[in-house]
Amino acid sequence: MIFGKKINEPLSKEEFLSLCICQTCPTYVECEQTPAVKAFCHPTFGKSACITQQKGCLCGSCRVKQKMKLKHFYFCVLGSEEQQEK
């Protein structure tokens, strides 16, 4: 669970978006279906409808991932932490 008692430092959706580096990633693709989406690790967004190829991942250096202690990568292709846990 990302929000709630299992995570030491839950972030608001606004904090996710302000710290997000998804749009600087080599894998990121601008998408007409979800033009405002970034922070693919956030459960509201999850994986991209347009990104299908893994071309490098910056998730490991993302402050959101570090603050939330997320363990997965390639959220844009594979889905949010919760989606990848299933």
C-alpha atoms as a PDB file:
ATOM      1  CA  MET A   1       0.000   0.000   0.000  1.00  0.00           C
ATOM      2  CA  ILE A   2       1.494   3.334  -1.012  1.00  0.00           C
ATOM      3  CA  PHE A   3      -0.677   5.694   1.032  1.00  0.00           C
ATOM      4  CA  GLY A   4      -1.302   4.839   4.647  1.00  0.00           C
ATOM      5  CA  LYS A   5       0.520   3.360   7.573  1.00  0.00           C
ATOM      6  CA  LYS A   6       2.793   0.978   5.667  1.00  0.00           C
ATOM      7  CA  ILE A   7       4.875   3.833   4.239  1.00  0.00           C
ATOM      8  CA  ASN A   8       6.854   6.101   6.553  1.00  0.00           C
ATOM      9  CA  GLU A   9       6.550   9.255   4.446  1.00  0.00           C
ATOM     10  CA  PRO A  10       3.368   9.390   2.368  1.00  0.00           C
ATOM     11  CA  LEU A  11       3.384  12.122  -0.277  1.00  0.00           C
ATOM     12  CA  SER A  12       0.403  14.015  -1.594  1.00  0.00           C
ATOM     13  CA  LYS A  13      -0.403  13.858  -5.299  1.00  0.00           C
ATOM     14  CA  GLU A  14       0.922  17.421  -5.634  1.00  0.00           C
ATOM     15  CA  GLU A  15       4.228  16.429  -3.991  1.00  0.00           C
ATOM     16  CA  PHE A  16       4.503  13.453  -6.344  1.00  0.00           C
ATOM     17  CA  LEU A  17       4.096  15.755  -9.326  1.00  0.00           C
ATOM     18  CA  SER A  18       6.523  18.390  -8.053  1.00  0.00           C
ATOM     19  CA  LEU A  19       9.292  15.820  -7.423  1.00  0.00           C
ATOM     20  CA  CYS A  20       8.609  13.679 -10.489  1.00  0.00           C
ATOM     21  CA  ILE A  21      11.352  13.250 -13.110  1.00  0.00           C
ATOM     22  CA  CYS A  22       9.409  10.995 -15.503  1.00  0.00           C
ATOM     23  CA  GLN A  23       9.397  13.557 -18.321  1.00  0.00           C
ATOM     24  CA  THR A  24      13.218  13.692 -18.303  1.00  0.00           C
ATOM     25  CA  CYS A  25      13.584   9.926 -18.723  1.00  0.00           C
ATOM     26  CA  PRO A  26      14.871   8.416 -22.011  1.00  0.00           C
ATOM     27  CA  THR A  27      11.857   6.067 -22.031  1.00  0.00           C
ATOM     28  CA  TYR A  28       9.295   8.882 -21.690  1.00  0.00           C
ATOM     29  CA  VAL A  29       7.065   9.542 -24.712  1.00  0.00           C
ATOM     30  CA  GLU A  30       4.605  12.433 -25.020  1.00  0.00           C
ATOM     31  CA  CYS A  31       1.137  10.916 -25.258  1.00  0.00           C
ATOM     32  CA  GLU A  32      -2.132  12.300 -26.633  1.00  0.00           C
ATOM     33  CA  GLN A  33      -4.235   9.835 -24.595  1.00  0.00           C
ATOM     34  CA  THR A  34      -2.737  11.036 -21.313  1.00  0.00           C
ATOM     35  CA  PRO A  35      -1.061  14.400 -22.014  1.00  0.00           C
ATOM     36  CA  ALA A  36      -0.858  15.634 -18.416  1.00  0.00           C
ATOM     37  CA  VAL A  37       0.248  12.345 -16.904  1.00  0.00           C
ATOM     38  CA  LYS A  38       3.575  11.979 -15.227  1.00  0.00           C
ATOM     39  CA  ALA A  39       4.511  10.324 -11.931  1.00  0.00           C
ATOM     40  CA  PHE A  40       3.686   6.891 -13.302  1.00  0.00           C
ATOM     41  CA  CYS A  41       4.570   5.377  -9.914  1.00  0.00           C
ATOM     42  CA  HIS A  42       1.507   7.119  -8.433  1.00  0.00           C
ATOM     43  CA  PRO A  43      -1.463   4.708  -8.237  1.00  0.00           C
ATOM     44  CA  THR A  44      -3.794   7.302  -9.809  1.00  0.00           C
ATOM     45  CA  PHE A  45      -1.711   7.303 -12.994  1.00  0.00           C
ATOM     46  CA  GLY A  46       0.043   3.937 -13.353  1.00  0.00           C
ATOM     47  CA  LYS A  47       1.552   2.883 -16.641  1.00  0.00           C
ATOM     48  CA  SER A  48       1.421   4.919 -19.806  1.00  0.00           C
ATOM     49  CA  ALA A  49      -0.987   4.178 -22.629  1.00  0.00           C
ATOM     50  CA  CYS A  50       1.744   5.129 -25.128  1.00  0.00           C
ATOM     51  CA  ILE A  51       5.109   4.060 -23.725  1.00  0.00           C
ATOM     52  CA  THR A  52       5.888   0.523 -24.817  1.00  0.00           C
ATOM     53  CA  GLN A  53       9.688   0.380 -25.131  1.00  0.00           C
ATOM     54  CA  GLN A  54      12.191   0.479 -22.291  1.00  0.00           C
ATOM     55  CA  LYS A  55      14.995   2.841 -23.359  1.00  0.00           C
ATOM     56  CA  GLY A  56      16.581   3.508 -19.978  1.00  0.00           C
ATOM     57  CA  CYS A  57      15.148   4.161 -16.537  1.00  0.00           C
ATOM     58  CA  LEU A  58      15.740   7.096 -14.187  1.00  0.00           C
ATOM     59  CA  CYS A  59      13.446   5.753 -11.461  1.00  0.00           C
ATOM     60  CA  GLY A  60      16.423   4.805  -9.299  1.00  0.00           C
ATOM     61  CA  SER A  61      17.467   8.456  -8.999  1.00  0.00           C
ATOM     62  CA  CYS A  62      13.930   9.807  -8.484  1.00  0.00           C
ATOM     63  CA  ARG A  63      13.210  11.495  -5.160  1.00  0.00           C
ATOM     64  CA  VAL A  64       9.639  10.151  -5.202  1.00  0.00           C
ATOM     65  CA  LYS A  65      10.922   6.575  -5.394  1.00  0.00           C
ATOM     66  CA  GLN A  66      13.438   7.237  -2.630  1.00  0.00           C
ATOM     67  CA  LYS A  67      10.997   9.031  -0.305  1.00  0.00           C
ATOM     68  CA  MET A  68       8.299   6.402  -0.789  1.00  0.00           C
ATOM     69  CA  LYS A  69      10.797   3.528  -0.565  1.00  0.00           C
ATOM     70  CA  LEU A  70       9.422   2.026  -3.773  1.00  0.00           C
ATOM     71  CA  LYS A  71      11.185  -1.114  -4.935  1.00  0.00           C
ATOM     72  CA  HIS A  72      10.128  -1.421  -8.582  1.00  0.00           C
ATOM     73  CA  PHE A  73      11.306   0.343 -11.756  1.00  0.00           C
ATOM     74  CA  TYR A  74       9.894   1.226 -15.193  1.00  0.00           C
ATOM     75  CA  PHE A  75       6.592   2.421 -13.732  1.00  0.00           C
ATOM     76  CA  CYS A  76       5.705   3.992 -17.103  1.00  0.00           C
ATOM     77  CA  VAL A  77       5.779   0.591 -18.818  1.00  0.00           C
ATOM     78  CA  LEU A  78       4.999  -1.843 -15.982  1.00  0.00           C
ATOM     79  CA  GLY A  79       2.624   0.208 -13.845  1.00  0.00           C
ATOM     80  CA  SER A  80       2.584   1.761 -10.381  1.00  0.00           C
ATOM     81  CA  GLU A  81       4.101   0.054  -7.362  1.00  0.00           C
ATOM     82  CA  GLU A  82       0.682  -1.361  -6.487  1.00  0.00           C
ATOM     83  CA  GLN A  83       0.115  -2.626 -10.036  1.00  0.00           C
ATOM     84  CA  GLN A  84       3.509  -4.348 -10.077  1.00  0.00           C
ATOM     85  CA  GLU A  85       2.835  -5.983  -6.707  1.00  0.00           C
ATOM     86  CA  LYS A  86      -0.148  -7.912  -8.132  1.00  0.00           C
END
